[in-house]
Amino acid sequence: MIKITFCLTRLPHLSREAFQTYWRETHAPLVAARAELLKIRRYVQSHTLPDEAFAGLAASRAGPPAYDGVAELWWDRIEDLGSDDPAARRAGLELLEDERNFIDLAKSPIFLVEEHEIVRR
């Protein structure tokens, strides 16, 4: 199983609430509608809680500011990510174009990972 992890930072003019609402209510349906074509196995949005909810935790680690959310997308195989199908390419470009409406792409790291599950309860 291959996964993309995308740490999202909102565009500066959006509040966290507006960003998360757009992401959940506008972008998520676009991903869902294209999931089969793009061979996406699973899509999860993790929305960051208000800063006060984890201020102590963040301060104890002296880390950078929190992201506004994390998107995770799974595929069965790495080969499923790069399709030669023109419709799949178009669908991917449509999602990228919509991401520009709410994500500060230059401040949002994205990377491929292979999961190694350690604990499952």
PDB file of N, CA and C in Angstrom:
ATOM      1  N   MET A   1       0.852  -1.176   0.000  1.00  0.00           N
ATOM      2  CA  MET A   1       0.000   0.000   0.000  1.00  0.00           C
ATOM      3  C   MET A   1       0.895   1.235   0.000  1.00  0.00           C
ATOM      4  N   ILE A   2       0.601   2.160  -0.900  1.00  0.00           N
ATOM      5  CA  ILE A   2       1.347   3.402  -1.041  1.00  0.00           C
ATOM      6  C   ILE A   2       0.435   4.551  -0.603  1.00  0.00           C
ATOM      7  N   LYS A   3       1.005   5.524   0.074  1.00  0.00           N
ATOM      8  CA  LYS A   3       0.195   6.635   0.569  1.00  0.00           C
ATOM      9  C   LYS A   3       0.880   7.959   0.272  1.00  0.00           C
ATOM     10  N   ILE A   4       0.066   8.932  -0.130  1.00  0.00           N
ATOM     11  CA  ILE A   4       0.515  10.322  -0.186  1.00  0.00           C
ATOM     12  C   ILE A   4       0.062  10.979   1.106  1.00  0.00           C
ATOM     13  N   THR A   5       0.980  11.671   1.745  1.00  0.00           N
ATOM     14  CA  THR A   5       0.662  12.497   2.902  1.00  0.00           C
ATOM     15  C   THR A   5       0.882  13.942   2.474  1.00  0.00           C
ATOM     16  N   PHE A   6      -0.118  14.768   2.679  1.00  0.00           N
ATOM     17  CA  PHE A   6      -0.100  16.150   2.227  1.00  0.00           C
ATOM     18  C   PHE A   6      -0.426  17.032   3.431  1.00  0.00           C
ATOM     19  N   CYS A   7       0.556  17.764   3.943  1.00  0.00           N
ATOM     20  CA  CYS A   7       0.403  18.636   5.118  1.00  0.00           C
ATOM     21  C   CYS A   7      -0.042  20.010   4.633  1.00  0.00           C
ATOM     22  N   LEU A   8      -1.282  20.352   4.897  1.00  0.00           N
ATOM     23  CA  LEU A   8      -1.897  21.514   4.272  1.00  0.00           C
ATOM     24  C   LEU A   8      -1.799  22.796   5.102  1.00  0.00           C
ATOM     25  N   THR A   9      -1.397  23.857   4.429  1.00  0.00           N
ATOM     26  CA  THR A   9      -1.419  25.214   4.984  1.00  0.00           C
ATOM     27  C   THR A   9      -2.404  26.012   4.145  1.00  0.00           C
ATOM     28  N   ARG A  10      -3.301  26.690   4.806  1.00  0.00           N
ATOM     29  CA  ARG A  10      -4.335  27.456   4.092  1.00  0.00           C
ATOM     30  C   ARG A  10      -3.763  28.723   3.463  1.00  0.00           C
ATOM     31  N   LEU A  11      -4.460  29.224   2.464  1.00  0.00           N
ATOM     32  CA  LEU A  11      -4.108  30.524   1.891  1.00  0.00           C
ATOM     33  C   LEU A  11      -4.294  31.599   2.957  1.00  0.00           C
ATOM     34  N   PRO A  12      -3.469  32.647   2.932  1.00  0.00           N
ATOM     35  CA  PRO A  12      -3.481  33.650   4.006  1.00  0.00           C
ATOM     36  C   PRO A  12      -4.818  34.363   4.224  1.00  0.00           C
ATOM     37  N   HIS A  13      -5.625  34.495   3.188  1.00  0.00           N
ATOM     38  CA  HIS A  13      -6.891  35.233   3.340  1.00  0.00           C
ATOM     39  C   HIS A  13      -8.008  34.391   3.952  1.00  0.00           C
ATOM     40  N   LEU A  14      -7.762  33.106   4.174  1.00  0.00           N
ATOM     41  CA  LEU A  14      -8.791  32.222   4.726  1.00  0.00           C
ATOM     42  C   LEU A  14      -8.575  31.981   6.216  1.00  0.00           C
ATOM     43  N   SER A  15      -9.669  31.966   6.971  1.00  0.00           N
ATOM     44  CA  SER A  15      -9.595  31.514   8.354  1.00  0.00           C
ATOM     45  C   SER A  15      -9.457  29.992   8.328  1.00  0.00           C
ATOM     46  N   ARG A  16      -9.020  29.412   9.430  1.00  0.00           N
ATOM     47  CA  ARG A  16      -8.922  27.953   9.478  1.00  0.00           C
ATOM     48  C   ARG A  16     -10.301  27.319   9.251  1.00  0.00           C
ATOM     49  N   GLU A  17     -11.322  27.922   9.848  1.00  0.00           N
ATOM     50  CA  GLU A  17     -12.678  27.391   9.690  1.00  0.00           C
ATOM     51  C   GLU A  17     -13.134  27.432   8.233  1.00  0.00           C
ATOM     52  N   ALA A  18     -12.897  28.545   7.549  1.00  0.00           N
ATOM     53  CA  ALA A  18     -13.290  28.670   6.139  1.00  0.00           C
ATOM     54  C   ALA A  18     -12.509  27.676   5.271  1.00  0.00           C
ATOM     55  N   PHE A  19     -11.218  27.552   5.557  1.00  0.00           N
ATOM     56  CA  PHE A  19     -10.369  26.595   4.840  1.00  0.00           C
ATOM     57  C   PHE A  19     -10.914  25.173   5.000  1.00  0.00           C
ATOM     58  N   GLN A  20     -11.167  24.778   6.248  1.00  0.00           N
ATOM     59  CA  GLN A  20     -11.608  23.412   6.506  1.00  0.00           C
ATOM     60  C   GLN A  20     -13.002  23.141   5.937  1.00  0.00           C
ATOM     61  N   THR A  21     -13.877  24.131   5.961  1.00  0.00           N
ATOM     62  CA  THR A  21     -15.207  23.972   5.369  1.00  0.00           C
ATOM     63  C   THR A  21     -15.097  23.763   3.854  1.00  0.00           C
ATOM     64  N   TYR A  22     -14.292  24.583   3.194  1.00  0.00           N
ATOM     65  CA  TYR A  22     -14.109  24.429   1.739  1.00  0.00           C
ATOM     66  C   TYR A  22     -13.515  23.056   1.433  1.00  0.00           C
ATOM     67  N   TRP A  23     -12.504  22.685   2.180  1.00  0.00           N
ATOM     68  CA  TRP A  23     -11.830  21.407   1.961  1.00  0.00           C
ATOM     69  C   TRP A  23     -12.815  20.243   2.097  1.00  0.00           C
ATOM     70  N   ARG A  24     -13.623  20.257   3.147  1.00  0.00           N
ATOM     71  CA  ARG A  24     -14.555  19.163   3.423  1.00  0.00           C
ATOM     72  C   ARG A  24     -15.769  19.176   2.488  1.00  0.00           C
ATOM     73  N   GLU A  25     -16.324  20.369   2.246  1.00  0.00           N
ATOM     74  CA  GLU A  25     -17.602  20.444   1.535  1.00  0.00           C
ATOM     75  C   GLU A  25     -17.480  20.663   0.029  1.00  0.00           C
ATOM     76  N   THR A  26     -16.363  21.217  -0.438  1.00  0.00           N
ATOM     77  CA  THR A  26     -16.181  21.475  -1.872  1.00  0.00           C
ATOM     78  C   THR A  26     -15.143  20.538  -2.481  1.00  0.00           C
ATOM     79  N   HIS A  27     -13.950  20.482  -1.883  1.00  0.00           N
ATOM     80  CA  HIS A  27     -12.880  19.680  -2.480  1.00  0.00           C
ATOM     81  C   HIS A  27     -13.106  18.181  -2.295  1.00  0.00           C
ATOM     82  N   ALA A  28     -13.531  17.768  -1.130  1.00  0.00           N
ATOM     83  CA  ALA A  28     -13.725  16.328  -0.871  1.00  0.00           C
ATOM     84  C   ALA A  28     -14.660  15.671  -1.885  1.00  0.00           C
ATOM     85  N   PRO A  29     -15.810  16.267  -2.206  1.00  0.00           N
ATOM     86  CA  PRO A  29     -16.666  15.649  -3.221  1.00  0.00           C
ATOM     87  C   PRO A  29     -15.991  15.539  -4.595  1.00  0.00           C
ATOM     88  N   LEU A  30     -15.118  16.501  -4.925  1.00  0.00           N
ATOM     89  CA  LEU A  30     -14.390  16.424  -6.198  1.00  0.00           C
ATOM     90  C   LEU A  30     -13.455  15.213  -6.207  1.00  0.00           C
ATOM     91  N   VAL A  31     -12.762  14.993  -5.087  1.00  0.00           N
ATOM     92  CA  VAL A  31     -11.874  13.830  -4.980  1.00  0.00           C
ATOM     93  C   VAL A  31     -12.700  12.549  -5.058  1.00  0.00           C
ATOM     94  N   ALA A  32     -13.793  12.502  -4.304  1.00  0.00           N
ATOM     95  CA  ALA A  32     -14.636  11.298  -4.284  1.00  0.00           C
ATOM     96  C   ALA A  32     -15.155  10.955  -5.680  1.00  0.00           C
ATOM     97  N   ALA A  33     -15.538  11.970  -6.446  1.00  0.00           N
ATOM     98  CA  ALA A  33     -16.078  11.742  -7.788  1.00  0.00           C
ATOM     99  C   ALA A  33     -15.016  11.223  -8.755  1.00  0.00           C
ATOM    100  N   ARG A  34     -13.746  11.464  -8.468  1.00  0.00           N
ATOM    101  CA  ARG A  34     -12.657  11.058  -9.359  1.00  0.00           C
ATOM    102  C   ARG A  34     -11.848   9.878  -8.811  1.00  0.00           C
ATOM    103  N   ALA A  35     -12.215   9.396  -7.651  1.00  0.00           N
ATOM    104  CA  ALA A  35     -11.426   8.363  -6.965  1.00  0.00           C
ATOM    105  C   ALA A  35     -11.255   7.095  -7.800  1.00  0.00           C
ATOM    106  N   GLU A  36     -12.305   6.602  -8.391  1.00  0.00           N
ATOM    107  CA  GLU A  36     -12.194   5.367  -9.171  1.00  0.00           C
ATOM    108  C   GLU A  36     -11.285   5.564 -10.379  1.00  0.00           C
ATOM    109  N   LEU A  37     -11.476   6.652 -11.095  1.00  0.00           N
ATOM    110  CA  LEU A  37     -10.656   6.946 -12.268  1.00  0.00           C
ATOM    111  C   LEU A  37      -9.175   7.071 -11.899  1.00  0.00           C
ATOM    112  N   LEU A  38      -8.904   7.691 -10.741  1.00  0.00           N
ATOM    113  CA  LEU A  38      -7.520   7.891 -10.291  1.00  0.00           C
ATOM    114  C   LEU A  38      -6.987   6.718  -9.463  1.00  0.00           C
ATOM    115  N   LYS A  39      -7.796   5.687  -9.305  1.00  0.00           N
ATOM    116  CA  LYS A  39      -7.412   4.469  -8.567  1.00  0.00           C
ATOM    117  C   LYS A  39      -7.073   4.749  -7.106  1.00  0.00           C
ATOM    118  N   ILE A  40      -7.730   5.751  -6.545  1.00  0.00           N
ATOM    119  CA  ILE A  40      -7.543   6.071  -5.132  1.00  0.00           C
ATOM    120  C   ILE A  40      -8.295   5.031  -4.313  1.00  0.00           C
ATOM    121  N   ARG A  41      -7.599   4.382  -3.421  1.00  0.00           N
ATOM    122  CA  ARG A  41      -8.179   3.327  -2.588  1.00  0.00           C
ATOM    123  C   ARG A  41      -8.891   3.914  -1.359  1.00  0.00           C
ATOM    124  N   ARG A  42      -8.293   4.975  -0.802  1.00  0.00           N
ATOM    125  CA  ARG A  42      -8.820   5.569   0.429  1.00  0.00           C
ATOM    126  C   ARG A  42      -8.388   7.029   0.473  1.00  0.00           C
ATOM    127  N   TYR A  43      -9.250   7.884   1.037  1.00  0.00           N
ATOM    128  CA  TYR A  43      -8.951   9.310   1.189  1.00  0.00           C
ATOM    129  C   TYR A  43      -9.433   9.745   2.565  1.00  0.00           C
ATOM    130  N   VAL A  44      -8.537  10.316   3.357  1.00  0.00           N
ATOM    131  CA  VAL A  44      -8.871  10.761   4.706  1.00  0.00           C
ATOM    132  C   VAL A  44      -8.408  12.195   4.880  1.00  0.00           C
ATOM    133  N   GLN A  45      -9.268  13.018   5.441  1.00  0.00           N
ATOM    134  CA  GLN A  45      -8.909  14.381   5.815  1.00  0.00           C
ATOM    135  C   GLN A  45      -8.788  14.431   7.337  1.00  0.00           C
ATOM    136  N   SER A  46      -7.684  14.971   7.835  1.00  0.00           N
ATOM    137  CA  SER A  46      -7.504  15.209   9.268  1.00  0.00           C
ATOM    138  C   SER A  46      -7.454  16.715   9.473  1.00  0.00           C
ATOM    139  N   HIS A  47      -8.478  17.244  10.140  1.00  0.00           N
ATOM    140  CA  HIS A  47      -8.604  18.687  10.348  1.00  0.00           C
ATOM    141  C   HIS A  47      -8.000  19.068  11.694  1.00  0.00           C
ATOM    142  N   THR A  48      -7.079  20.022  11.677  1.00  0.00           N
ATOM    143  CA  THR A  48      -6.437  20.490  12.895  1.00  0.00           C
ATOM    144  C   THR A  48      -7.456  21.171  13.805  1.00  0.00           C
ATOM    145  N   LEU A  49      -7.355  20.876  15.094  1.00  0.00           N
ATOM    146  CA  LEU A  49      -8.209  21.523  16.089  1.00  0.00           C
ATOM    147  C   LEU A  49      -7.719  22.945  16.336  1.00  0.00           C
ATOM    148  N   PRO A  50      -8.532  23.778  16.994  1.00  0.00           N
ATOM    149  CA  PRO A  50      -8.075  25.142  17.295  1.00  0.00           C
ATOM    150  C   PRO A  50      -6.750  25.127  18.070  1.00  0.00           C
ATOM    151  N   ASP A  51      -5.933  26.146  17.844  1.00  0.00           N
ATOM    152  CA  ASP A  51      -4.599  26.215  18.443  1.00  0.00           C
ATOM    153  C   ASP A  51      -4.609  25.996  19.952  1.00  0.00           C
ATOM    154  N   GLU A  52      -5.631  26.539  20.632  1.00  0.00           N
ATOM    155  CA  GLU A  52      -5.655  26.411  22.090  1.00  0.00           C
ATOM    156  C   GLU A  52      -5.753  24.957  22.537  1.00  0.00           C
ATOM    157  N   ALA A  53      -6.296  24.092  21.708  1.00  0.00           N
ATOM    158  CA  ALA A  53      -6.473  22.686  22.071  1.00  0.00           C
ATOM    159  C   ALA A  53      -5.144  21.955  22.232  1.00  0.00           C
ATOM    160  N   PHE A  54      -4.109  22.437  21.563  1.00  0.00           N
ATOM    161  CA  PHE A  54      -2.827  21.727  21.633  1.00  0.00           C
ATOM    162  C   PHE A  54      -1.644  22.663  21.890  1.00  0.00           C
ATOM    163  N   ALA A  55      -1.912  23.841  22.419  1.00  0.00           N
ATOM    164  CA  ALA A  55      -0.847  24.821  22.652  1.00  0.00           C
ATOM    165  C   ALA A  55       0.241  24.264  23.561  1.00  0.00           C
ATOM    166  N   GLY A  56      -0.130  23.598  24.655  1.00  0.00           N
ATOM    167  CA  GLY A  56       0.851  23.030  25.576  1.00  0.00           C
ATOM    168  C   GLY A  56       1.688  21.958  24.917  1.00  0.00           C
ATOM    169  N   LEU A  57       1.044  21.117  24.154  1.00  0.00           N
ATOM    170  CA  LEU A  57       1.739  20.052  23.438  1.00  0.00           C
ATOM    171  C   LEU A  57       2.754  20.639  22.455  1.00  0.00           C
ATOM    172  N   ALA A  58       2.321  21.636  21.695  1.00  0.00           N
ATOM    173  CA  ALA A  58       3.210  22.269  20.719  1.00  0.00           C
ATOM    174  C   ALA A  58       4.376  22.967  21.419  1.00  0.00           C
ATOM    175  N   ALA A  59       4.095  23.670  22.509  1.00  0.00           N
ATOM    176  CA  ALA A  59       5.147  24.396  23.225  1.00  0.00           C
ATOM    177  C   ALA A  59       6.185  23.444  23.813  1.00  0.00           C
ATOM    178  N   SER A  60       5.749  22.279  24.253  1.00  0.00           N
ATOM    179  CA  SER A  60       6.679  21.330  24.867  1.00  0.00           C
ATOM    180  C   SER A  60       7.686  20.774  23.868  1.00  0.00           C
ATOM    181  N   ARG A  61       7.419  20.921  22.591  1.00  0.00           N
ATOM    182  CA  ARG A  61       8.299  20.403  21.557  1.00  0.00           C
ATOM    183  C   ARG A  61       9.035  21.502  20.798  1.00  0.00           C
ATOM    184  N   ALA A  62       8.672  22.747  21.037  1.00  0.00           N
ATOM    185  CA  ALA A  62       9.297  23.895  20.367  1.00  0.00           C
ATOM    186  C   ALA A  62       9.347  23.720  18.850  1.00  0.00           C
ATOM    187  N   GLY A  63       8.262  23.181  18.298  1.00  0.00           N
ATOM    188  CA  GLY A  63       8.212  22.918  16.865  1.00  0.00           C
ATOM    189  C   GLY A  63       7.655  24.083  16.073  1.00  0.00           C
ATOM    190  N   PRO A  64       7.556  23.904  14.769  1.00  0.00           N
ATOM    191  CA  PRO A  64       7.005  24.947  13.896  1.00  0.00           C
ATOM    192  C   PRO A  64       5.494  25.054  14.094  1.00  0.00           C
ATOM    193  N   PRO A  65       4.872  26.082  13.526  1.00  0.00           N
ATOM    194  CA  PRO A  65       3.415  26.218  13.624  1.00  0.00           C
ATOM    195  C   PRO A  65       2.712  24.994  13.031  1.00  0.00           C
ATOM    196  N   ALA A  66       1.529  24.739  13.528  1.00  0.00           N
ATOM    197  CA  ALA A  66       0.760  23.582  13.058  1.00  0.00           C
ATOM    198  C   ALA A  66       0.248  23.806  11.638  1.00  0.00           C
ATOM    199  N   TYR A  67       0.038  22.720  10.935  1.00  0.00           N
ATOM    200  CA  TYR A  67      -0.642  22.778   9.650  1.00  0.00           C
ATOM    201  C   TYR A  67      -2.131  22.929   9.908  1.00  0.00           C
ATOM    202  N   ASP A  68      -2.874  23.253   8.872  1.00  0.00           N
ATOM    203  CA  ASP A  68      -4.321  23.394   9.014  1.00  0.00           C
ATOM    204  C   ASP A  68      -5.040  22.068   8.813  1.00  0.00           C
ATOM    205  N   GLY A  69      -4.314  21.085   8.338  1.00  0.00           N
ATOM    206  CA  GLY A  69      -4.876  19.753   8.167  1.00  0.00           C
ATOM    207  C   GLY A  69      -3.897  18.864   7.423  1.00  0.00           C
ATOM    208  N   VAL A  70      -4.229  17.586   7.389  1.00  0.00           N
ATOM    209  CA  VAL A  70      -3.409  16.611   6.675  1.00  0.00           C
ATOM    210  C   VAL A  70      -4.338  15.758   5.820  1.00  0.00           C
ATOM    211  N   ALA A  71      -4.001  15.656   4.538  1.00  0.00           N
ATOM    212  CA  ALA A  71      -4.737  14.775   3.626  1.00  0.00           C
ATOM    213  C   ALA A  71      -3.909  13.515   3.426  1.00  0.00           C
ATOM    214  N   GLU A  72      -4.573  12.373   3.434  1.00  0.00           N
ATOM    215  CA  GLU A  72      -3.908  11.102   3.177  1.00  0.00           C
ATOM    216  C   GLU A  72      -4.694  10.369   2.098  1.00  0.00           C
ATOM    217  N   LEU A  73      -3.971   9.909   1.087  1.00  0.00           N
ATOM    218  CA  LEU A  73      -4.580   9.172  -0.014  1.00  0.00           C
ATOM    219  C   LEU A  73      -3.790   7.893  -0.236  1.00  0.00           C
ATOM    220  N   TRP A  74      -4.485   6.773  -0.401  1.00  0.00           N
ATOM    221  CA  TRP A  74      -3.843   5.473  -0.548  1.00  0.00           C
ATOM    222  C   TRP A  74      -4.089   4.887  -1.945  1.00  0.00           C
ATOM    223  N   TRP A  75      -3.078   4.182  -2.431  1.00  0.00           N
ATOM    224  CA  TRP A  75      -3.151   3.406  -3.670  1.00  0.00           C
ATOM    225  C   TRP A  75      -2.588   2.017  -3.400  1.00  0.00           C
ATOM    226  N   ASP A  76      -3.028   1.061  -4.181  1.00  0.00           N
ATOM    227  CA  ASP A  76      -2.527  -0.309  -4.017  1.00  0.00           C
ATOM    228  C   ASP A  76      -1.064  -0.433  -4.419  1.00  0.00           C
ATOM    229  N   ARG A  77      -0.681   0.257  -5.502  1.00  0.00           N
ATOM    230  CA  ARG A  77       0.681   0.118  -6.037  1.00  0.00           C
ATOM    231  C   ARG A  77       1.171   1.474  -6.499  1.00  0.00           C
ATOM    232  N   ILE A  78       2.454   1.660  -6.496  1.00  0.00           N
ATOM    233  CA  ILE A  78       3.051   2.920  -6.957  1.00  0.00           C
ATOM    234  C   ILE A  78       2.684   3.190  -8.417  1.00  0.00           C
ATOM    235  N   GLU A  79       2.531   2.139  -9.201  1.00  0.00           N
ATOM    236  CA  GLU A  79       2.194   2.283 -10.625  1.00  0.00           C
ATOM    237  C   GLU A  79       0.806   2.906 -10.818  1.00  0.00           C
ATOM    238  N   ASP A  80      -0.055   2.804  -9.814  1.00  0.00           N
ATOM    239  CA  ASP A  80      -1.402   3.363  -9.923  1.00  0.00           C
ATOM    240  C   ASP A  80      -1.417   4.892  -9.864  1.00  0.00           C
ATOM    241  N   LEU A  81      -0.313   5.482  -9.437  1.00  0.00           N
ATOM    242  CA  LEU A  81      -0.248   6.941  -9.308  1.00  0.00           C
ATOM    243  C   LEU A  81      -0.090   7.653 -10.653  1.00  0.00           C
ATOM    244  N   GLY A  82       0.680   7.124 -11.538  1.00  0.00           N
ATOM    245  CA  GLY A  82       0.954   7.795 -12.809  1.00  0.00           C
ATOM    246  C   GLY A  82       0.250   7.117 -13.954  1.00  0.00           C
ATOM    247  N   SER A  83      -0.877   7.638 -14.342  1.00  0.00           N
ATOM    248  CA  SER A  83      -1.650   7.015 -15.407  1.00  0.00           C
ATOM    249  C   SER A  83      -1.394   7.702 -16.742  1.00  0.00           C
ATOM    250  N   ASP A  84      -1.376   6.916 -17.803  1.00  0.00           N
ATOM    251  CA  ASP A  84      -1.279   7.464 -19.159  1.00  0.00           C
ATOM    252  C   ASP A  84      -2.653   7.809 -19.724  1.00  0.00           C
ATOM    253  N   ASP A  85      -3.683   7.472 -18.983  1.00  0.00           N
ATOM    254  CA  ASP A  85      -5.054   7.722 -19.419  1.00  0.00           C
ATOM    255  C   ASP A  85      -5.321   9.235 -19.409  1.00  0.00           C
ATOM    256  N   PRO A  86      -5.671   9.819 -20.567  1.00  0.00           N
ATOM    257  CA  PRO A  86      -5.922  11.267 -20.628  1.00  0.00           C
ATOM    258  C   PRO A  86      -7.015  11.726 -19.659  1.00  0.00           C
ATOM    259  N   ALA A  87      -8.031  10.909 -19.447  1.00  0.00           N
ATOM    260  CA  ALA A  87      -9.107  11.280 -18.518  1.00  0.00           C
ATOM    261  C   ALA A  87      -8.580  11.344 -17.086  1.00  0.00           C
ATOM    262  N   ALA A  88      -7.709  10.419 -16.721  1.00  0.00           N
ATOM    263  CA  ALA A  88      -7.126  10.432 -15.375  1.00  0.00           C
ATOM    264  C   ALA A  88      -6.218  11.652 -15.200  1.00  0.00           C
ATOM    265  N   ARG A  89      -5.444  11.962 -16.211  1.00  0.00           N
ATOM    266  CA  ARG A  89      -4.582  13.157 -16.130  1.00  0.00           C
ATOM    267  C   ARG A  89      -5.410  14.419 -15.972  1.00  0.00           C
ATOM    268  N   ARG A  90      -6.499  14.500 -16.731  1.00  0.00           N
ATOM    269  CA  ARG A  90      -7.393  15.648 -16.645  1.00  0.00           C
ATOM    270  C   ARG A  90      -7.990  15.758 -15.235  1.00  0.00           C
ATOM    271  N   ALA A  91      -8.408  14.619 -14.689  1.00  0.00           N
ATOM    272  CA  ALA A  91      -8.990  14.596 -13.342  1.00  0.00           C
ATOM    273  C   ALA A  91      -7.973  15.071 -12.305  1.00  0.00           C
ATOM    274  N   GLY A  92      -6.738  14.631 -12.423  1.00  0.00           N
ATOM    275  CA  GLY A  92      -5.691  15.077 -11.511  1.00  0.00           C
ATOM    276  C   GLY A  92      -5.436  16.567 -11.611  1.00  0.00           C
ATOM    277  N   LEU A  93      -5.439  17.087 -12.829  1.00  0.00           N
ATOM    278  CA  LEU A  93      -5.248  18.531 -13.030  1.00  0.00           C
ATOM    279  C   LEU A  93      -6.417  19.338 -12.469  1.00  0.00           C
ATOM    280  N   GLU A  94      -7.622  18.802 -12.584  1.00  0.00           N
ATOM    281  CA  GLU A  94      -8.795  19.478 -12.021  1.00  0.00           C
ATOM    282  C   GLU A  94      -8.676  19.576 -10.498  1.00  0.00           C
ATOM    283  N   LEU A  95      -8.205  18.508  -9.867  1.00  0.00           N
ATOM    284  CA  LEU A  95      -8.028  18.541  -8.410  1.00  0.00           C
ATOM    285  C   LEU A  95      -6.949  19.547  -8.024  1.00  0.00           C
ATOM    286  N   LEU A  96      -5.847  19.559  -8.752  1.00  0.00           N
ATOM    287  CA  LEU A  96      -4.782  20.521  -8.479  1.00  0.00           C
ATOM    288  C   LEU A  96      -5.299  21.947  -8.635  1.00  0.00           C
ATOM    289  N   GLU A  97      -6.060  22.200  -9.676  1.00  0.00           N
ATOM    290  CA  GLU A  97      -6.611  23.533  -9.902  1.00  0.00           C
ATOM    291  C   GLU A  97      -7.507  23.948  -8.740  1.00  0.00           C
ATOM    292  N   ASP A  98      -8.312  23.031  -8.219  1.00  0.00           N
ATOM    293  CA  ASP A  98      -9.160  23.363  -7.081  1.00  0.00           C
ATOM    294  C   ASP A  98      -8.331  23.585  -5.819  1.00  0.00           C
ATOM    295  N   GLU A  99      -7.247  22.836  -5.654  1.00  0.00           N
ATOM    296  CA  GLU A  99      -6.375  23.026  -4.489  1.00  0.00           C
ATOM    297  C   GLU A  99      -5.865  24.465  -4.417  1.00  0.00           C
ATOM    298  N   ARG A 100      -5.656  25.078  -5.555  1.00  0.00           N
ATOM    299  CA  ARG A 100      -5.165  26.464  -5.596  1.00  0.00           C
ATOM    300  C   ARG A 100      -6.172  27.458  -5.015  1.00  0.00           C
ATOM    301  N   ASN A 101      -7.428  27.036  -4.838  1.00  0.00           N
ATOM    302  CA  ASN A 101      -8.467  27.893  -4.269  1.00  0.00           C
ATOM    303  C   ASN A 101      -8.364  28.011  -2.751  1.00  0.00           C
ATOM    304  N   PHE A 102      -7.676  27.072  -2.094  1.00  0.00           N
ATOM    305  CA  PHE A 102      -7.685  27.097  -0.633  1.00  0.00           C
ATOM    306  C   PHE A 102      -6.369  26.687   0.026  1.00  0.00           C
ATOM    307  N   ILE A 103      -5.440  26.087  -0.707  1.00  0.00           N
ATOM    308  CA  ILE A 103      -4.176  25.620  -0.135  1.00  0.00           C
ATOM    309  C   ILE A 103      -3.030  26.512  -0.598  1.00  0.00           C
ATOM    310  N   ASP A 104      -2.170  26.895   0.334  1.00  0.00           N
ATOM    311  CA  ASP A 104      -0.921  27.575  -0.005  1.00  0.00           C
ATOM    312  C   ASP A 104       0.064  26.464  -0.378  1.00  0.00           C
ATOM    313  N   LEU A 105       0.106  26.127  -1.637  1.00  0.00           N
ATOM    314  CA  LEU A 105       0.880  24.968  -2.095  1.00  0.00           C
ATOM    315  C   LEU A 105       2.369  25.092  -1.786  1.00  0.00           C
ATOM    316  N   ALA A 106       2.905  26.295  -1.833  1.00  0.00           N
ATOM    317  CA  ALA A 106       4.333  26.487  -1.565  1.00  0.00           C
ATOM    318  C   ALA A 106       4.689  26.216  -0.102  1.00  0.00           C
ATOM    319  N   LYS A 107       3.693  26.238   0.777  1.00  0.00           N
ATOM    320  CA  LYS A 107       3.930  26.002   2.207  1.00  0.00           C
ATOM    321  C   LYS A 107       3.311  24.680   2.677  1.00  0.00           C
ATOM    322  N   SER A 108       3.007  23.800   1.754  1.00  0.00           N
ATOM    323  CA  SER A 108       2.309  22.556   2.079  1.00  0.00           C
ATOM    324  C   SER A 108       3.088  21.352   1.560  1.00  0.00           C
ATOM    325  N   PRO A 109       3.943  20.769   2.410  1.00  0.00           N
ATOM    326  CA  PRO A 109       4.733  19.608   1.978  1.00  0.00           C
ATOM    327  C   PRO A 109       3.848  18.425   1.584  1.00  0.00           C
ATOM    328  N   ILE A 110       4.276  17.735   0.546  1.00  0.00           N
ATOM    329  CA  ILE A 110       3.583  16.529   0.088  1.00  0.00           C
ATOM    330  C   ILE A 110       4.651  15.467  -0.164  1.00  0.00           C
ATOM    331  N   PHE A 111       4.373  14.242   0.263  1.00  0.00           N
ATOM    332  CA  PHE A 111       5.366  13.187   0.084  1.00  0.00           C
ATOM    333  C   PHE A 111       4.698  11.822   0.034  1.00  0.00           C
ATOM    334  N   LEU A 112       5.394  10.887  -0.597  1.00  0.00           N
ATOM    335  CA  LEU A 112       4.951   9.490  -0.684  1.00  0.00           C
ATOM    336  C   LEU A 112       5.563   8.697   0.459  1.00  0.00           C
ATOM    337  N   VAL A 113       4.767   7.808   1.028  1.00  0.00           N
ATOM    338  CA  VAL A 113       5.264   6.953   2.102  1.00  0.00           C
ATOM    339  C   VAL A 113       4.777   5.523   1.881  1.00  0.00           C
ATOM    340  N   GLU A 114       5.478   4.617   2.503  1.00  0.00           N
ATOM    341  CA  GLU A 114       5.025   3.234   2.609  1.00  0.00           C
ATOM    342  C   GLU A 114       4.793   2.989   4.090  1.00  0.00           C
ATOM    343  N   GLU A 115       3.583   2.614   4.447  1.00  0.00           N
ATOM    344  CA  GLU A 115       3.231   2.442   5.852  1.00  0.00           C
ATOM    345  C   GLU A 115       3.840   1.181   6.447  1.00  0.00           C
ATOM    346  N   HIS A 116       4.216   1.302   7.710  1.00  0.00           N
ATOM    347  CA  HIS A 116       4.666   0.167   8.518  1.00  0.00           C
ATOM    348  C   HIS A 116       3.877   0.245   9.822  1.00  0.00           C
ATOM    349  N   GLU A 117       2.790  -0.489   9.897  1.00  0.00           N
ATOM    350  CA  GLU A 117       1.928  -0.428  11.068  1.00  0.00           C
ATOM    351  C   GLU A 117       2.610  -1.083  12.257  1.00  0.00           C
ATOM    352  N   ILE A 118       2.669  -0.380  13.372  1.00  0.00           N
ATOM    353  CA  ILE A 118       3.347  -0.874  14.572  1.00  0.00           C
ATOM    354  C   ILE A 118       2.325  -1.337  15.607  1.00  0.00           C
ATOM    355  N   VAL A 119       1.288  -0.558  15.840  1.00  0.00           N
ATOM    356  CA  VAL A 119       0.257  -0.918  16.817  1.00  0.00           C
ATOM    357  C   VAL A 119      -1.101  -0.801  16.150  1.00  0.00           C
ATOM    358  N   ARG A 120      -1.936  -1.793  16.344  1.00  0.00           N
ATOM    359  CA  ARG A 120      -3.327  -1.737  15.883  1.00  0.00           C
ATOM    360  C   ARG A 120      -4.175  -2.369  16.957  1.00  0.00           C
ATOM    361  N   ARG A 121      -5.078  -1.572  17.539  1.00  0.00           N
ATOM    362  CA  ARG A 121      -5.905  -2.050  18.638  1.00  0.00           C
ATOM    363  C   ARG A 121      -7.355  -1.997  18.267  1.00  0.00           C
TER     364      ARG A 121
END
